[in-house]
Amino acid sequence: MSSADNNLQSISLHPFINLHSHRKPQQENELVVRNAFVTAQEKLDHISYPISCGIHPWLISGNYLEKLNQLKELLEHVPNIYAVGECGLDKLKGPSFELQLEIFHAQIELANLFNKPLILHLVKTYSDILHISKAIKVPFIVHGFKGNSIEAKQLIQKGACLSFGPRLINDAQLQETFTQLPIEQIYLETDTKPISISDVYQKAATLKKLSIDELRTAICNNFARDFNQ
């Protein structure tokens, strides 16, 4: 069976796609893209499920050029890296914004080079990504989206998908934004929270007035489109 066939089979066997998590799959019917950061290849070679690798803006340090080279090596040699990220921009935490921009642009170039989607960490920088998006030639997903409906629609107009996490379950304003958005631009995730992805899907399905199966199918279609799986 080819790698592509294996990936398609994985989607059919794991109907709840968890776009971004810091944990391995927690239930049998979950396809998770685990955030693995940039680390030694031998630490990733034994992982059989999808992962993403990138330099988080909080973790930019003096050896960032070495980390960028390491990320390039991982993208060349680790086949189950599905995305570059999480990476991005944060105006509340991390090094200078100028340095964050430099490292972010370098990771955009790597994503473009290897044709990998970007999973983005954006804090107080939704307006910045509107200008930067023209440099992005691959699908890009804003993980843990917390903005308002105007920001959401502006990002979608630039080609972004938005991933909603556990906050969707209890945040009334975020729920209102979520109901207004096209399902073709939506993902769901658990991020760092100890919650089942199926619970996030249940709330999302209720808000969208869809069955779980309808929502699962829609997000699987999004995943197949954006991740070439």
C-alpha atoms as a PDB file:
ATOM      1  CA  MET A   1       0.000   0.000   0.000  1.00  0.00           C
ATOM      2  CA  SER A   2       1.365   3.427  -0.942  1.00  0.00           C
ATOM      3  CA  SER A   3       1.994   6.228   1.546  1.00  0.00           C
ATOM      4  CA  ALA A   4      -0.947   8.153   0.088  1.00  0.00           C
ATOM      5  CA  ASP A   5      -3.216   5.134   0.517  1.00  0.00           C
ATOM      6  CA  ASN A   6      -2.083   4.788   4.116  1.00  0.00           C
ATOM      7  CA  ASN A   7      -2.846   8.445   4.785  1.00  0.00           C
ATOM      8  CA  LEU A   8      -6.326   8.192   3.277  1.00  0.00           C
ATOM      9  CA  GLN A   9      -6.979   5.073   5.313  1.00  0.00           C
ATOM     10  CA  SER A  10      -5.887   6.945   8.445  1.00  0.00           C
ATOM     11  CA  ILE A  11      -8.451   9.657   7.761  1.00  0.00           C
ATOM     12  CA  SER A  12     -11.242   7.109   7.348  1.00  0.00           C
ATOM     13  CA  LEU A  13     -10.267   5.354  10.582  1.00  0.00           C
ATOM     14  CA  HIS A  14      -9.849   8.564  12.585  1.00  0.00           C
ATOM     15  CA  PRO A  15     -12.923  10.694  11.945  1.00  0.00           C
ATOM     16  CA  PHE A  16     -12.162  13.383  14.558  1.00  0.00           C
ATOM     17  CA  ILE A  17      -9.309  15.461  13.145  1.00  0.00           C
ATOM     18  CA  ASN A  18      -7.523  17.337  15.933  1.00  0.00           C
ATOM     19  CA  LEU A  19      -5.645  20.023  14.044  1.00  0.00           C
ATOM     20  CA  HIS A  20      -3.312  21.031  16.871  1.00  0.00           C
ATOM     21  CA  SER A  21      -2.457  19.273  20.101  1.00  0.00           C
ATOM     22  CA  HIS A  22       0.533  18.934  22.397  1.00  0.00           C
ATOM     23  CA  ARG A  23      -0.404  15.338  23.179  1.00  0.00           C
ATOM     24  CA  LYS A  24      -0.476  12.112  21.236  1.00  0.00           C
ATOM     25  CA  PRO A  25      -3.896  10.770  20.110  1.00  0.00           C
ATOM     26  CA  GLN A  26      -6.193  10.217  23.077  1.00  0.00           C
ATOM     27  CA  GLN A  27      -8.970   8.172  21.446  1.00  0.00           C
ATOM     28  CA  GLU A  28      -9.109   5.530  18.739  1.00  0.00           C
ATOM     29  CA  ASN A  29     -11.084   7.619  16.264  1.00  0.00           C
ATOM     30  CA  GLU A  30      -8.817  10.684  16.464  1.00  0.00           C
ATOM     31  CA  LEU A  31      -6.321  11.898  13.886  1.00  0.00           C
ATOM     32  CA  VAL A  32      -4.117  14.384  15.705  1.00  0.00           C
ATOM     33  CA  VAL A  33      -1.440  16.682  14.339  1.00  0.00           C
ATOM     34  CA  ARG A  34       0.818  16.815  17.368  1.00  0.00           C
ATOM     35  CA  ASN A  35       3.024  19.828  17.972  1.00  0.00           C
ATOM     36  CA  ALA A  36       6.536  18.408  18.243  1.00  0.00           C
ATOM     37  CA  PHE A  37       8.681  21.566  18.106  1.00  0.00           C
ATOM     38  CA  VAL A  38      12.182  21.379  16.585  1.00  0.00           C
ATOM     39  CA  THR A  39      14.143  18.568  18.156  1.00  0.00           C
ATOM     40  CA  ALA A  40      16.589  15.797  17.311  1.00  0.00           C
ATOM     41  CA  GLN A  41      15.419  13.593  14.454  1.00  0.00           C
ATOM     42  CA  GLU A  42      15.862  10.414  16.502  1.00  0.00           C
ATOM     43  CA  LYS A  43      13.197  11.686  18.895  1.00  0.00           C
ATOM     44  CA  LEU A  44      10.707  11.910  16.023  1.00  0.00           C
ATOM     45  CA  ASP A  45      11.545   8.822  13.978  1.00  0.00           C
ATOM     46  CA  HIS A  46       9.539   6.493  16.243  1.00  0.00           C
ATOM     47  CA  ILE A  47       6.351   8.614  16.028  1.00  0.00           C
ATOM     48  CA  SER A  48       3.890   7.045  13.603  1.00  0.00           C
ATOM     49  CA  TYR A  49       1.155   9.698  13.603  1.00  0.00           C
ATOM     50  CA  PRO A  50       1.193  13.209  12.028  1.00  0.00           C
ATOM     51  CA  ILE A  51       3.264  15.913  13.674  1.00  0.00           C
ATOM     52  CA  SER A  52       4.095  19.546  13.065  1.00  0.00           C
ATOM     53  CA  CYS A  53       7.476  21.150  13.655  1.00  0.00           C
ATOM     54  CA  GLY A  54       8.307  24.811  13.938  1.00  0.00           C
ATOM     55  CA  ILE A  55       9.956  27.480  16.048  1.00  0.00           C
ATOM     56  CA  HIS A  56       7.396  28.962  18.441  1.00  0.00           C
ATOM     57  CA  PRO A  57       7.898  32.717  18.924  1.00  0.00           C
ATOM     58  CA  TRP A  58       8.263  32.196  22.696  1.00  0.00           C
ATOM     59  CA  LEU A  59      11.185  29.829  22.089  1.00  0.00           C
ATOM     60  CA  ILE A  60      13.300  31.987  19.797  1.00  0.00           C
ATOM     61  CA  SER A  61      16.753  32.191  21.340  1.00  0.00           C
ATOM     62  CA  GLY A  62      20.345  32.960  20.441  1.00  0.00           C
ATOM     63  CA  ASN A  63      20.719  29.754  18.418  1.00  0.00           C
ATOM     64  CA  TYR A  64      17.788  30.494  16.119  1.00  0.00           C
ATOM     65  CA  LEU A  65      19.823  30.112  12.927  1.00  0.00           C
ATOM     66  CA  GLU A  66      20.864  26.646  14.056  1.00  0.00           C
ATOM     67  CA  LYS A  67      17.223  25.850  14.799  1.00  0.00           C
ATOM     68  CA  LEU A  68      16.176  26.988  11.333  1.00  0.00           C
ATOM     69  CA  ASN A  69      18.776  24.715   9.765  1.00  0.00           C
ATOM     70  CA  GLN A  70      17.609  21.874  11.990  1.00  0.00           C
ATOM     71  CA  LEU A  71      13.998  22.489  10.944  1.00  0.00           C
ATOM     72  CA  LYS A  72      15.029  22.311   7.288  1.00  0.00           C
ATOM     73  CA  GLU A  73      16.760  18.977   7.929  1.00  0.00           C
ATOM     74  CA  LEU A  74      13.680  17.593   9.663  1.00  0.00           C
ATOM     75  CA  LEU A  75      11.424  18.647   6.791  1.00  0.00           C
ATOM     76  CA  GLU A  76      13.754  16.866   4.390  1.00  0.00           C
ATOM     77  CA  HIS A  77      13.999  13.605   6.320  1.00  0.00           C
ATOM     78  CA  VAL A  78      10.926  13.055   8.555  1.00  0.00           C
ATOM     79  CA  PRO A  79       7.994  12.005   6.339  1.00  0.00           C
ATOM     80  CA  ASN A  80       5.229  12.377   8.937  1.00  0.00           C
ATOM     81  CA  ILE A  81       5.806  16.106   9.439  1.00  0.00           C
ATOM     82  CA  TYR A  82       2.529  17.334   8.023  1.00  0.00           C
ATOM     83  CA  ALA A  83       2.961  21.054   8.760  1.00  0.00           C
ATOM     84  CA  VAL A  84       5.372  23.796   9.755  1.00  0.00           C
ATOM     85  CA  GLY A  85       4.394  25.175  13.130  1.00  0.00           C
ATOM     86  CA  GLU A  86       3.341  26.196  15.433  1.00  0.00           C
ATOM     87  CA  CYS A  87       5.125  29.367  14.475  1.00  0.00           C
ATOM     88  CA  GLY A  88       4.082  32.961  14.204  1.00  0.00           C
ATOM     89  CA  LEU A  89       4.000  36.252  16.066  1.00  0.00           C
ATOM     90  CA  ASP A  90       3.197  37.286  19.639  1.00  0.00           C
ATOM     91  CA  LYS A  91       3.165  40.881  20.878  1.00  0.00           C
ATOM     92  CA  LEU A  92       2.664  39.855  24.498  1.00  0.00           C
ATOM     93  CA  LYS A  93       5.480  37.377  24.972  1.00  0.00           C
ATOM     94  CA  GLY A  94       8.778  36.513  23.333  1.00  0.00           C
ATOM     95  CA  PRO A  95      11.771  38.409  21.926  1.00  0.00           C
ATOM     96  CA  SER A  96      11.613  41.639  19.930  1.00  0.00           C
ATOM     97  CA  PHE A  97       8.913  41.795  17.300  1.00  0.00           C
ATOM     98  CA  GLU A  98      11.547  42.465  14.627  1.00  0.00           C
ATOM     99  CA  LEU A  99      13.316  39.199  15.468  1.00  0.00           C
ATOM    100  CA  GLN A 100      10.011  37.324  15.549  1.00  0.00           C
ATOM    101  CA  LEU A 101       9.237  38.652  12.067  1.00  0.00           C
ATOM    102  CA  GLU A 102      12.634  37.507  10.769  1.00  0.00           C
ATOM    103  CA  ILE A 103      12.191  33.965  12.087  1.00  0.00           C
ATOM    104  CA  PHE A 104       8.584  33.809  10.953  1.00  0.00           C
ATOM    105  CA  HIS A 105       9.450  34.834   7.391  1.00  0.00           C
ATOM    106  CA  ALA A 106      12.193  32.196   7.326  1.00  0.00           C
ATOM    107  CA  GLN A 107       9.669  29.539   8.315  1.00  0.00           C
ATOM    108  CA  ILE A 108       7.223  30.762   5.678  1.00  0.00           C
ATOM    109  CA  GLU A 109       9.985  30.242   3.113  1.00  0.00           C
ATOM    110  CA  LEU A 110      10.572  26.696   4.377  1.00  0.00           C
ATOM    111  CA  ALA A 111       6.851  25.908   4.272  1.00  0.00           C
ATOM    112  CA  ASN A 112       6.696  27.196   0.704  1.00  0.00           C
ATOM    113  CA  LEU A 113       9.812  25.234  -0.260  1.00  0.00           C
ATOM    114  CA  PHE A 114       8.536  21.925   1.140  1.00  0.00           C
ATOM    115  CA  ASN A 115       4.877  22.580   0.307  1.00  0.00           C
ATOM    116  CA  LYS A 116       3.768  22.140   3.915  1.00  0.00           C
ATOM    117  CA  PRO A 117       0.831  23.998   5.499  1.00  0.00           C
ATOM    118  CA  LEU A 118       1.555  26.504   8.260  1.00  0.00           C
ATOM    119  CA  ILE A 119       0.010  26.250  11.725  1.00  0.00           C
ATOM    120  CA  LEU A 120       0.126  29.737  13.190  1.00  0.00           C
ATOM    121  CA  HIS A 121       0.359  31.100  16.722  1.00  0.00           C
ATOM    122  CA  LEU A 122      -0.870  34.698  16.542  1.00  0.00           C
ATOM    123  CA  VAL A 123      -1.366  36.945  19.576  1.00  0.00           C
ATOM    124  CA  LYS A 124      -2.386  40.573  18.998  1.00  0.00           C
ATOM    125  CA  THR A 125      -1.077  40.152  15.443  1.00  0.00           C
ATOM    126  CA  TYR A 126      -4.102  39.311  13.299  1.00  0.00           C
ATOM    127  CA  SER A 127      -3.704  42.635  11.475  1.00  0.00           C
ATOM    128  CA  ASP A 128      -0.010  41.911  10.843  1.00  0.00           C
ATOM    129  CA  ILE A 129      -0.706  38.566   9.171  1.00  0.00           C
ATOM    130  CA  LEU A 130      -3.095  40.264   6.745  1.00  0.00           C
ATOM    131  CA  HIS A 131      -0.081  42.010   5.201  1.00  0.00           C
ATOM    132  CA  ILE A 132       2.284  39.054   5.496  1.00  0.00           C
ATOM    133  CA  SER A 133      -0.142  36.562   3.946  1.00  0.00           C
ATOM    134  CA  LYS A 134       0.842  37.484   0.397  1.00  0.00           C
ATOM    135  CA  ALA A 135       4.194  35.766   1.013  1.00  0.00           C
ATOM    136  CA  ILE A 136       2.489  32.500   2.004  1.00  0.00           C
ATOM    137  CA  LYS A 137       2.038  30.102  -0.924  1.00  0.00           C
ATOM    138  CA  VAL A 138       0.655  27.169   1.087  1.00  0.00           C
ATOM    139  CA  PRO A 139      -2.481  26.678   3.186  1.00  0.00           C
ATOM    140  CA  PHE A 140      -2.244  28.386   6.558  1.00  0.00           C
ATOM    141  CA  ILE A 141      -4.302  27.823   9.689  1.00  0.00           C
ATOM    142  CA  VAL A 142      -4.615  30.174  12.656  1.00  0.00           C
ATOM    143  CA  HIS A 143      -4.686  27.814  15.608  1.00  0.00           C
ATOM    144  CA  GLY A 144      -6.688  28.585  18.754  1.00  0.00           C
ATOM    145  CA  PHE A 145      -8.531  31.476  17.112  1.00  0.00           C
ATOM    146  CA  LYS A 146      -9.996  33.851  19.716  1.00  0.00           C
ATOM    147  CA  GLY A 147     -10.806  36.948  17.685  1.00  0.00           C
ATOM    148  CA  ASN A 148     -14.058  38.599  16.660  1.00  0.00           C
ATOM    149  CA  SER A 149     -16.118  38.085  13.536  1.00  0.00           C
ATOM    150  CA  ILE A 150     -14.529  41.018  11.673  1.00  0.00           C
ATOM    151  CA  GLU A 151     -11.027  39.634  12.265  1.00  0.00           C
ATOM    152  CA  ALA A 152     -12.178  36.149  11.316  1.00  0.00           C
ATOM    153  CA  LYS A 153     -13.679  37.276   8.031  1.00  0.00           C
ATOM    154  CA  GLN A 154     -10.627  39.396   7.171  1.00  0.00           C
ATOM    155  CA  LEU A 155      -8.339  36.422   7.743  1.00  0.00           C
ATOM    156  CA  ILE A 156     -10.532  34.110   5.686  1.00  0.00           C
ATOM    157  CA  GLN A 157     -10.558  36.648   2.841  1.00  0.00           C
ATOM    158  CA  LYS A 158      -6.756  36.354   2.820  1.00  0.00           C
ATOM    159  CA  GLY A 159      -7.003  32.584   2.515  1.00  0.00           C
ATOM    160  CA  ALA A 160      -6.647  31.530   6.149  1.00  0.00           C
ATOM    161  CA  CYS A 161      -8.435  28.695   7.865  1.00  0.00           C
ATOM    162  CA  LEU A 162      -9.292  29.106  11.540  1.00  0.00           C
ATOM    163  CA  SER A 163      -8.962  26.400  14.165  1.00  0.00           C
ATOM    164  CA  PHE A 164     -11.118  26.600  17.278  1.00  0.00           C
ATOM    165  CA  GLY A 165     -10.176  24.963  20.560  1.00  0.00           C
ATOM    166  CA  PRO A 166     -11.798  24.242  23.937  1.00  0.00           C
ATOM    167  CA  ARG A 167     -12.650  27.930  24.448  1.00  0.00           C
ATOM    168  CA  LEU A 168     -15.443  27.377  21.902  1.00  0.00           C
ATOM    169  CA  ILE A 169     -17.367  25.331  24.469  1.00  0.00           C
ATOM    170  CA  ASN A 170     -18.031  28.215  26.889  1.00  0.00           C
ATOM    171  CA  ASP A 171     -17.196  31.519  25.165  1.00  0.00           C
ATOM    172  CA  ALA A 172     -20.463  33.024  23.902  1.00  0.00           C
ATOM    173  CA  GLN A 173     -18.785  35.696  21.751  1.00  0.00           C
ATOM    174  CA  LEU A 174     -16.525  33.145  20.091  1.00  0.00           C
ATOM    175  CA  GLN A 175     -19.523  30.885  19.515  1.00  0.00           C
ATOM    176  CA  GLU A 176     -21.319  33.725  17.726  1.00  0.00           C
ATOM    177  CA  THR A 177     -18.292  34.275  15.487  1.00  0.00           C
ATOM    178  CA  PHE A 178     -18.011  30.553  14.780  1.00  0.00           C
ATOM    179  CA  THR A 179     -21.620  30.285  13.595  1.00  0.00           C
ATOM    180  CA  GLN A 180     -20.996  32.975  10.942  1.00  0.00           C
ATOM    181  CA  LEU A 181     -18.032  31.305   9.265  1.00  0.00           C
ATOM    182  CA  PRO A 182     -17.989  28.916   6.289  1.00  0.00           C
ATOM    183  CA  ILE A 183     -17.385  25.327   7.349  1.00  0.00           C
ATOM    184  CA  GLU A 184     -14.857  25.028   4.498  1.00  0.00           C
ATOM    185  CA  GLN A 185     -12.456  27.274   6.463  1.00  0.00           C
ATOM    186  CA  ILE A 186     -12.821  25.641   9.888  1.00  0.00           C
ATOM    187  CA  TYR A 187     -10.781  23.213  11.976  1.00  0.00           C
ATOM    188  CA  LEU A 188     -11.058  22.049  15.587  1.00  0.00           C
ATOM    189  CA  GLU A 189      -8.353  21.293  18.144  1.00  0.00           C
ATOM    190  CA  THR A 190      -7.566  20.591  21.798  1.00  0.00           C
ATOM    191  CA  ASP A 191      -4.210  22.432  22.017  1.00  0.00           C
ATOM    192  CA  THR A 192      -2.821  21.926  25.555  1.00  0.00           C
ATOM    193  CA  LYS A 193      -6.122  21.224  27.322  1.00  0.00           C
ATOM    194  CA  PRO A 194      -6.983  17.814  28.836  1.00  0.00           C
ATOM    195  CA  ILE A 195     -10.242  17.553  26.914  1.00  0.00           C
ATOM    196  CA  SER A 196     -11.539  15.083  24.368  1.00  0.00           C
ATOM    197  CA  ILE A 197     -11.620  16.298  20.770  1.00  0.00           C
ATOM    198  CA  SER A 198     -15.049  14.699  20.462  1.00  0.00           C
ATOM    199  CA  ASP A 199     -16.342  17.168  23.087  1.00  0.00           C
ATOM    200  CA  VAL A 200     -15.159  20.083  20.958  1.00  0.00           C
ATOM    201  CA  TYR A 201     -16.833  18.524  17.909  1.00  0.00           C
ATOM    202  CA  GLN A 202     -20.070  18.047  19.825  1.00  0.00           C
ATOM    203  CA  LYS A 203     -20.271  21.737  20.703  1.00  0.00           C
ATOM    204  CA  ALA A 204     -19.236  22.811  17.214  1.00  0.00           C
ATOM    205  CA  ALA A 205     -21.850  20.556  15.610  1.00  0.00           C
ATOM    206  CA  THR A 206     -24.557  21.988  17.851  1.00  0.00           C
ATOM    207  CA  LEU A 207     -23.557  25.551  16.976  1.00  0.00           C
ATOM    208  CA  LYS A 208     -23.518  24.768  13.257  1.00  0.00           C
ATOM    209  CA  LYS A 209     -26.745  22.744  13.458  1.00  0.00           C
ATOM    210  CA  LEU A 210     -24.982  19.757  11.904  1.00  0.00           C
ATOM    211  CA  SER A 211     -24.702  16.134  12.882  1.00  0.00           C
ATOM    212  CA  ILE A 212     -21.345  14.918  14.159  1.00  0.00           C
ATOM    213  CA  ASP A 213     -20.969  12.889  10.944  1.00  0.00           C
ATOM    214  CA  GLU A 214     -21.636  15.940   8.767  1.00  0.00           C
ATOM    215  CA  LEU A 215     -19.097  18.007  10.687  1.00  0.00           C
ATOM    216  CA  ARG A 216     -16.534  15.208  10.646  1.00  0.00           C
ATOM    217  CA  THR A 217     -16.926  14.810   6.893  1.00  0.00           C
ATOM    218  CA  ALA A 218     -16.569  18.553   6.274  1.00  0.00           C
ATOM    219  CA  ILE A 219     -13.377  18.830   8.327  1.00  0.00           C
ATOM    220  CA  CYS A 220     -11.953  15.666   6.772  1.00  0.00           C
ATOM    221  CA  ASN A 221     -12.539  17.287   3.370  1.00  0.00           C
ATOM    222  CA  ASN A 222     -10.740  20.435   4.548  1.00  0.00           C
ATOM    223  CA  PHE A 223      -7.832  18.342   5.783  1.00  0.00           C
ATOM    224  CA  ALA A 224      -7.556  16.388   2.531  1.00  0.00           C
ATOM    225  CA  ARG A 225      -7.561  19.661   0.577  1.00  0.00           C
ATOM    226  CA  ASP A 226      -5.024  21.536   2.712  1.00  0.00           C
ATOM    227  CA  PHE A 227      -2.652  18.717   3.632  1.00  0.00           C
ATOM    228  CA  ASN A 228      -2.678  16.850   0.298  1.00  0.00           C
ATOM    229  CA  GLN A 229      -3.769  13.692   2.093  1.00  0.00           C
END
